[in-house]
C-alpha atoms as a PDB file:
ATOM      1  CA  MET A   1     186.718 140.950 136.432  1.00  0.00           C
ATOM      2  CA  LYS A   2     188.235 142.234 133.193  1.00  0.00           C
ATOM      3  CA  SER A   3     189.972 138.903 132.614  1.00  0.00           C
ATOM      4  CA  VAL A   4     186.598 137.138 132.846  1.00  0.00           C
ATOM      5  CA  ARG A   5     185.236 139.460 130.164  1.00  0.00           C
ATOM      6  CA  LYS A   6     188.237 138.813 127.935  1.00  0.00           C
ATOM      7  CA  ILE A   7     187.742 135.070 128.301  1.00  0.00           C
ATOM      8  CA  ALA A   8     184.022 135.396 127.568  1.00  0.00           C
ATOM      9  CA  ILE A   9     184.629 137.515 124.490  1.00  0.00           C
ATOM     10  CA  SER A  10     187.328 135.142 123.248  1.00  0.00           C
ATOM     11  CA  SER A  11     185.019 132.170 123.764  1.00  0.00           C
ATOM     12  CA  LEU A  12     182.196 133.908 121.931  1.00  0.00           C
ATOM     13  CA  LEU A  13     184.504 134.764 119.044  1.00  0.00           C
ATOM     14  CA  ALA A  14     185.785 131.179 118.827  1.00  0.00           C
ATOM     15  CA  ALA A  15     182.253 129.769 118.921  1.00  0.00           C
ATOM     16  CA  THR A  16     181.191 132.157 116.179  1.00  0.00           C
ATOM     17  CA  LEU A  17     184.120 131.210 113.965  1.00  0.00           C
ATOM     18  CA  PHE A  18     183.507 127.482 114.455  1.00  0.00           C
ATOM     19  CA  SER A  19     179.791 127.785 113.769  1.00  0.00           C
ATOM     20  CA  VAL A  20     180.348 129.819 110.596  1.00  0.00           C
ATOM     21  CA  SER A  21     182.912 127.341 109.274  1.00  0.00           C
ATOM     22  CA  ALA A  22     180.329 124.550 109.602  1.00  0.00           C
ATOM     23  CA  CYS A  23     177.979 126.307 107.176  1.00  0.00           C
ATOM     24  CA  SER A  24     179.556 125.205 103.914  1.00  0.00           C
ATOM     25  CA  ASN A  25     176.228 124.523 102.189  1.00  0.00           C
ATOM     26  CA  MET A  26     174.698 127.909 103.011  1.00  0.00           C
ATOM     27  CA  SER A  27     173.978 130.518 100.390  1.00  0.00           C
ATOM     28  CA  THR A  28     176.100 133.650 100.322  1.00  0.00           C
ATOM     29  CA  ARG A  29     173.280 135.716 101.802  1.00  0.00           C
ATOM     30  CA  ASP A  30     172.766 133.229 104.659  1.00  0.00           C
ATOM     31  CA  ARG A  31     176.492 133.168 105.364  1.00  0.00           C
ATOM     32  CA  ASN A  32     176.642 136.988 105.409  1.00  0.00           C
ATOM     33  CA  THR A  33     173.697 137.049 107.817  1.00  0.00           C
ATOM     34  CA  ALA A  34     175.386 134.592 110.186  1.00  0.00           C
ATOM     35  CA  ILE A  35     178.703 136.430 110.066  1.00  0.00           C
ATOM     36  CA  GLY A  36     176.980 139.778 110.616  1.00  0.00           C
ATOM     37  CA  ALA A  37     175.091 138.406 113.604  1.00  0.00           C
ATOM     38  CA  GLY A  38     178.276 137.026 115.133  1.00  0.00           C
ATOM     39  CA  VAL A  39     180.257 140.202 114.638  1.00  0.00           C
ATOM     40  CA  GLY A  40     177.321 142.287 115.870  1.00  0.00           C
ATOM     41  CA  ALA A  41     176.982 140.167 119.013  1.00  0.00           C
ATOM     42  CA  ILE A  42     180.653 140.591 119.825  1.00  0.00           C
ATOM     43  CA  GLY A  43     180.510 144.330 119.124  1.00  0.00           C
ATOM     44  CA  GLY A  44     177.344 144.771 121.172  1.00  0.00           C
ATOM     45  CA  SER A  45     178.856 142.864 124.060  1.00  0.00           C
ATOM     46  CA  VAL A  46     182.051 144.885 124.012  1.00  0.00           C
ATOM     47  CA  LEU A  47     180.297 148.243 123.699  1.00  0.00           C
ATOM     48  CA  THR A  48     177.846 147.569 126.540  1.00  0.00           C
ATOM     49  CA  GLY A  49     180.293 145.925 128.920  1.00  0.00           C
ATOM     50  CA  GLY A  50     178.907 142.401 128.501  1.00  0.00           C
ATOM     51  CA  SER A  51     175.226 143.266 128.788  1.00  0.00           C
ATOM     52  CA  ALA A  52     172.919 140.532 127.482  1.00  0.00           C
ATOM     53  CA  LEU A  53     170.640 143.124 125.922  1.00  0.00           C
ATOM     54  CA  GLY A  54     173.584 144.746 124.143  1.00  0.00           C
ATOM     55  CA  THR A  55     174.764 141.375 122.852  1.00  0.00           C
ATOM     56  CA  ILE A  56     171.319 140.414 121.540  1.00  0.00           C
ATOM     57  CA  GLY A  57     170.776 143.857 120.045  1.00  0.00           C
ATOM     58  CA  GLY A  58     174.165 143.781 118.359  1.00  0.00           C
ATOM     59  CA  ALA A  59     173.441 140.336 116.921  1.00  0.00           C
ATOM     60  CA  ALA A  60     170.093 141.480 115.549  1.00  0.00           C
ATOM     61  CA  ILE A  61     171.493 144.615 113.954  1.00  0.00           C
ATOM     62  CA  GLY A  62     174.546 142.790 112.598  1.00  0.00           C
ATOM     63  CA  GLY A  63     172.342 140.060 111.126  1.00  0.00           C
ATOM     64  CA  VAL A  64     170.179 142.586 109.312  1.00  0.00           C
ATOM     65  CA  ILE A  65     173.213 144.406 107.939  1.00  0.00           C
ATOM     66  CA  GLY A  66     174.835 141.134 106.872  1.00  0.00           C
ATOM     67  CA  ASN A  67     171.629 140.066 105.136  1.00  0.00           C
ATOM     68  CA  GLN A  68     171.473 143.272 103.136  1.00  0.00           C
ATOM     69  CA  ILE A  69     175.060 143.148 101.865  1.00  0.00           C
ATOM     70  CA  ASP A  70     175.134 142.385  98.162  1.00  0.00           C
ATOM     71  CA  THR A  71     178.314 140.540  97.210  1.00  0.00           C
ATOM     72  CA  LYS A  72     177.672 140.513  93.480  1.00  0.00           C
ATOM     73  CA  LYS A  73     179.621 143.099  91.530  1.00  0.00           C
ATOM     74  CA  LYS A  74     177.493 145.037  89.117  1.00  0.00           C
END
């Protein structure tokens, strides 16, 4: 069962990386939001043992955090 989880997590990570690389015309804020959502989904899935609710919750929280990151140096 653990090998199935590893495969699922690896697939999710690969899909996230491929989808983010296709976003070349996105603004920096949009890109940060997408990356945050992907990382949050993976983290939520890992922390909750693959729970769908944990994955969705992690994606939502990661997206909000990614959206709020300011990449401009002041």
